[in-house]
Amino acid sequence: MMKKLFGLVLFLGSAVMVAQTNQELMKHYEAYYKQMKTQGDVQGIINAMTHLNVLSPSQARKDTLGYIYMSEGKYMEALNTLGAEKKLTDSDIALEVKAVSLKAIKRPELAVGHFEELFKRDPNPVVAYELAELNLQIQNMAEADKHIEYGIANAKSEMKKAFYESQNPYEVPLKSAFMYLKALSIYNKDRKANIDPAVDVLDAVQKDAPNFQLVQITKNELLRQKQALKSQAAQPQN
């Protein structure tokens, strides 16, 4: 009996010591986290948050850690932290991390589901643009068109979309960006017959957003294809 009691006392004593040690470590890493934020040391913030989550796991900490990874362009680390599967219980932050990260690693077929859930929770033109673009990539034209029309109807004049295909990034009105996607949708439905209608839309976009460099690049390519088709058709048939 005394041996059992002695063993229980030792166990309880060690449990108290572990709890005290964990509390001390939590305080240390909380202070470390605050200091890293003050210094703007992103890797330090990640290290601190990882330790805090190991000591006291919580979904909120995991979501924050995933968001930091995503913000730093570490998309695989973000997905390894939160997973890629779609969960209706995910927070808005977790959904955004999964959606953006899957899009960044070129998995549009997986990213689209997370953006759809974000759109259900908060319908807005910014998420609609992502859905339109992703659905064009996976050739789901009906869904792409639905979100394009929503975006054209609901994009406000102050809303902008950034583009990075040139050395100098630039912004255009979000509505113009949706119109650009509309031109792509028209073209993709029939890549021979719909060149002219797509170019007509691009011309209209160019008038509203003359700095939209991607429009001119796409227009040039479509006109090149049109010329190639004409040359092909003019060749004598054997």
Protein backbone atom coordinates (compact mmCIF):
# COMPACT_ATOMS: atom_id res chain seq x y z
CA MET A 1 0.00 0.00 0.00
CA MET A 2 2.81 2.41 0.93
CA LYS A 3 4.61 1.59 -2.33
CA LYS A 4 1.48 2.38 -4.36
CA LEU A 5 0.99 5.62 -2.44
CA PHE A 6 4.64 6.58 -2.90
CA GLY A 7 4.37 5.85 -6.64
CA LEU A 8 1.22 8.00 -6.89
CA VAL A 9 2.95 10.89 -5.10
CA LEU A 10 5.92 10.64 -7.49
CA PHE A 11 3.58 10.56 -10.49
CA LEU A 12 1.59 13.56 -9.31
CA GLY A 13 4.77 15.42 -8.47
CA SER A 14 6.23 14.81 -11.91
CA ALA A 15 2.93 15.82 -13.56
CA VAL A 16 2.97 19.12 -11.65
CA MET A 17 6.59 19.71 -12.71
CA VAL A 18 5.72 19.03 -16.37
CA ALA A 19 2.73 21.39 -16.17
CA GLN A 20 4.90 24.10 -14.61
CA THR A 21 7.59 23.55 -17.25
CA ASN A 22 4.99 23.79 -20.05
CA GLN A 23 3.60 27.00 -18.56
CA GLU A 24 7.09 28.49 -18.40
CA LEU A 25 7.79 27.44 -21.98
CA MET A 26 4.46 28.90 -23.11
CA LYS A 27 5.32 32.23 -21.48
CA HIS A 28 8.77 32.13 -23.06
CA TYR A 29 7.49 31.48 -26.59
CA GLU A 30 4.64 33.97 -26.23
CA ALA A 31 7.21 36.63 -25.33
CA TYR A 32 9.46 35.40 -28.15
CA TYR A 33 6.55 35.59 -30.59
CA LYS A 34 5.80 39.19 -29.59
CA GLN A 35 9.45 40.14 -29.96
CA MET A 36 9.73 38.54 -33.40
CA LYS A 37 6.61 40.45 -34.50
CA THR A 38 8.18 43.68 -33.24
CA GLN A 39 11.36 42.94 -35.20
CA GLY A 40 9.47 41.82 -38.29
CA ASP A 41 11.33 38.49 -38.24
CA VAL A 42 8.99 36.17 -40.15
CA GLN A 43 11.03 33.01 -39.60
CA GLY A 44 11.17 33.81 -35.90
CA ILE A 45 7.39 34.23 -35.86
CA ILE A 46 7.00 30.85 -37.57
CA ASN A 47 9.35 29.18 -35.08
CA ALA A 48 7.54 30.71 -32.11
CA MET A 49 4.09 29.77 -33.40
CA THR A 50 5.24 26.20 -34.14
CA HIS A 51 6.53 25.79 -30.59
CA LEU A 52 3.36 27.27 -29.10
CA ASN A 53 1.22 24.88 -31.13
CA VAL A 54 3.31 21.89 -30.04
CA LEU A 55 3.01 22.92 -26.38
CA SER A 56 -0.68 23.78 -26.59
CA PRO A 57 -2.24 22.62 -29.87
CA SER A 58 -5.13 24.65 -31.24
CA GLN A 59 -6.76 25.03 -34.62
CA ALA A 60 -6.45 28.81 -34.39
CA ARG A 61 -2.66 28.52 -34.04
CA LYS A 62 -2.47 26.09 -36.97
CA ASP A 63 -4.58 28.43 -39.09
CA THR A 64 -2.33 31.36 -38.20
CA LEU A 65 0.79 29.36 -38.98
CA GLY A 66 -0.65 28.26 -42.32
CA TYR A 67 -1.57 31.86 -43.16
CA ILE A 68 1.96 33.06 -42.41
CA TYR A 69 3.44 30.36 -44.65
CA MET A 70 1.02 31.31 -47.44
CA SER A 71 1.82 35.02 -47.08
CA GLU A 72 5.51 34.21 -47.47
CA GLY A 73 4.93 32.16 -50.61
CA LYS A 74 5.65 28.87 -48.81
CA TYR A 75 2.60 27.14 -50.23
CA MET A 76 3.60 23.52 -49.65
CA GLU A 77 4.45 24.30 -46.02
CA ALA A 78 1.03 25.95 -45.67
CA LEU A 79 -0.72 22.88 -47.08
CA ASN A 80 1.39 20.52 -44.97
CA THR A 81 0.26 22.49 -41.93
CA LEU A 82 -3.48 22.57 -42.70
CA GLY A 83 -3.97 19.81 -45.26
CA ALA A 84 -5.59 20.20 -48.68
CA GLU A 85 -8.91 18.47 -48.08
CA LYS A 86 -12.16 20.44 -48.07
CA LYS A 87 -13.80 20.69 -44.64
CA LEU A 88 -17.02 22.57 -43.95
CA THR A 89 -15.72 23.20 -40.43
CA ASP A 90 -12.68 25.12 -41.74
CA SER A 91 -12.35 28.73 -40.66
CA ASP A 92 -12.35 31.44 -43.33
CA ILE A 93 -8.59 31.76 -42.84
CA ALA A 94 -8.02 28.03 -43.38
CA LEU A 95 -10.19 28.07 -46.51
CA GLU A 96 -8.25 31.02 -47.93
CA VAL A 97 -4.90 29.38 -47.18
CA LYS A 98 -5.91 26.13 -48.88
CA ALA A 99 -7.50 27.88 -51.87
CA VAL A 100 -4.63 30.28 -52.56
CA SER A 101 -1.93 27.66 -51.94
CA LEU A 102 -3.53 25.04 -54.20
CA LYS A 103 -3.93 27.63 -56.94
CA ALA A 104 -0.27 28.66 -56.52
CA ILE A 105 1.00 25.09 -56.91
CA LYS A 106 -1.18 24.73 -60.03
CA ARG A 107 -3.90 22.45 -58.70
CA PRO A 108 -6.94 24.39 -59.97
CA GLU A 109 -9.25 21.37 -59.77
CA LEU A 110 -8.67 21.24 -56.00
CA ALA A 111 -8.48 24.99 -55.40
CA VAL A 112 -11.87 25.67 -56.95
CA GLY A 113 -13.78 23.80 -54.22
CA HIS A 114 -12.26 25.94 -51.47
CA PHE A 115 -12.98 29.16 -53.37
CA GLU A 116 -16.57 27.97 -53.89
CA GLU A 117 -17.00 27.57 -50.13
CA LEU A 118 -15.51 31.04 -49.56
CA PHE A 119 -17.96 32.45 -52.11
CA LYS A 120 -20.90 30.75 -50.36
CA ARG A 121 -19.89 32.35 -47.08
CA ASP A 122 -19.23 35.79 -48.54
CA PRO A 123 -20.23 36.35 -52.19
CA ASN A 124 -18.03 39.09 -53.64
CA PRO A 125 -16.36 39.99 -56.97
CA VAL A 126 -12.82 39.27 -55.75
CA VAL A 127 -13.57 35.60 -55.02
CA ALA A 128 -15.75 35.43 -58.14
CA TYR A 129 -12.72 36.42 -60.22
CA GLU A 130 -10.69 33.55 -58.76
CA LEU A 131 -13.53 31.13 -59.52
CA ALA A 132 -13.93 32.44 -63.07
CA GLU A 133 -10.20 32.13 -63.74
CA LEU A 134 -9.90 28.64 -62.24
CA ASN A 135 -12.96 27.33 -64.06
CA LEU A 136 -11.52 28.60 -67.34
CA GLN A 137 -8.34 26.67 -66.59
CA ILE A 138 -10.23 23.43 -66.04
CA GLN A 139 -12.54 24.16 -69.01
CA ASN A 140 -15.71 24.33 -66.92
CA MET A 141 -17.15 27.04 -69.13
CA ALA A 142 -20.63 27.23 -67.62
CA GLU A 143 -19.25 27.93 -64.15
CA ALA A 144 -16.67 30.34 -65.54
CA ASP A 145 -19.35 32.33 -67.39
CA LYS A 146 -21.57 32.42 -64.30
CA HIS A 147 -18.85 34.04 -62.22
CA ILE A 148 -17.74 36.35 -65.04
CA GLU A 149 -21.25 37.75 -65.39
CA TYR A 150 -21.55 38.10 -61.61
CA GLY A 151 -18.25 40.00 -61.53
CA ILE A 152 -19.17 42.34 -64.40
CA ALA A 153 -22.47 43.14 -62.68
CA ASN A 154 -21.06 43.60 -59.17
CA ALA A 155 -17.50 44.95 -59.48
CA LYS A 156 -17.31 48.49 -58.10
CA SER A 157 -15.34 51.24 -59.81
CA GLU A 158 -12.81 51.41 -56.96
CA MET A 159 -12.04 47.67 -57.11
CA LYS A 160 -8.72 46.86 -58.80
CA LYS A 161 -6.94 43.76 -60.04
CA ALA A 162 -3.14 43.55 -60.08
CA PHE A 163 -1.21 41.86 -62.91
CA TYR A 164 2.41 40.74 -62.79
CA GLU A 165 3.23 39.37 -66.27
CA SER A 166 5.53 42.32 -67.04
CA GLN A 167 8.59 43.61 -65.20
CA ASN A 168 6.49 46.44 -63.81
CA PRO A 169 3.31 45.19 -62.08
CA TYR A 170 0.21 47.27 -62.73
CA GLU A 171 -3.45 47.50 -61.75
CA VAL A 172 -6.61 47.71 -63.84
CA PRO A 173 -10.28 48.05 -62.85
CA LEU A 174 -11.61 44.69 -61.70
CA LYS A 175 -14.52 45.00 -64.15
CA SER A 176 -11.99 45.27 -67.01
CA ALA A 177 -10.28 42.12 -65.72
CA PHE A 178 -13.62 40.29 -65.84
CA MET A 179 -14.17 41.52 -69.40
CA TYR A 180 -10.77 40.12 -70.30
CA LEU A 181 -11.84 36.74 -68.92
CA LYS A 182 -15.04 37.04 -70.96
CA ALA A 183 -12.95 37.39 -74.12
CA LEU A 184 -10.99 34.27 -73.17
CA SER A 185 -14.23 32.38 -72.54
CA ILE A 186 -15.63 33.39 -75.94
CA TYR A 187 -12.42 32.30 -77.67
CA ASN A 188 -12.16 28.96 -75.84
CA LYS A 189 -15.67 27.92 -76.89
CA ASP A 190 -14.56 27.85 -80.55
CA ARG A 191 -10.90 28.67 -81.17
CA LYS A 192 -11.42 29.15 -84.90
CA ALA A 193 -14.82 30.78 -85.30
CA ASN A 194 -14.67 33.00 -82.21
CA ILE A 195 -11.41 34.87 -82.77
CA ASP A 196 -13.12 38.04 -84.07
CA PRO A 197 -15.77 38.21 -81.29
CA ALA A 198 -13.03 37.73 -78.67
CA VAL A 199 -10.91 40.49 -80.25
CA ASP A 200 -13.96 42.81 -80.26
CA VAL A 201 -14.27 42.37 -76.49
CA LEU A 202 -10.52 42.94 -76.05
CA ASP A 203 -10.81 46.17 -78.05
CA ALA A 204 -13.54 47.38 -75.68
CA VAL A 205 -11.42 46.46 -72.66
CA GLN A 206 -8.46 48.34 -74.09
CA LYS A 207 -10.52 51.52 -74.37
CA ASP A 208 -11.51 51.34 -70.70
CA ALA A 209 -8.08 50.21 -69.45
CA PRO A 210 -5.37 51.34 -71.91
CA ASN A 211 -2.60 50.22 -69.53
CA PHE A 212 -3.89 46.62 -69.55
CA GLN A 213 -0.79 45.12 -71.18
CA LEU A 214 -2.04 41.53 -71.10
CA VAL A 215 -4.94 42.53 -73.35
CA GLN A 216 -2.58 43.68 -76.11
CA ILE A 217 -0.46 40.54 -75.75
CA THR A 218 -3.53 38.30 -76.04
CA LYS A 219 -4.97 40.34 -78.91
CA ASN A 220 -1.72 40.05 -80.85
CA GLU A 221 -1.69 36.29 -80.36
CA LEU A 222 -5.30 35.91 -81.51
CA LEU A 223 -4.66 38.01 -84.62
CA ARG A 224 -1.56 35.91 -85.33
CA GLN A 225 -3.70 32.77 -85.09
CA LYS A 226 -6.29 34.32 -87.40
CA GLN A 227 -3.63 35.06 -89.99
CA ALA A 228 -2.25 31.52 -89.70
CA LEU A 229 -5.74 30.08 -90.29
CA LYS A 230 -6.17 32.29 -93.37
CA SER A 231 -2.81 31.19 -94.76
CA GLN A 232 -3.68 27.56 -94.11
CA ALA A 233 -7.04 27.94 -95.86
CA ALA A 234 -5.39 29.62 -98.88
CA GLN A 235 -3.00 26.75 -99.49
CA PRO A 236 -4.00 24.50 -102.42
CA GLN A 237 -5.58 21.24 -101.43
CA ASN A 238 -4.00 18.07 -102.82
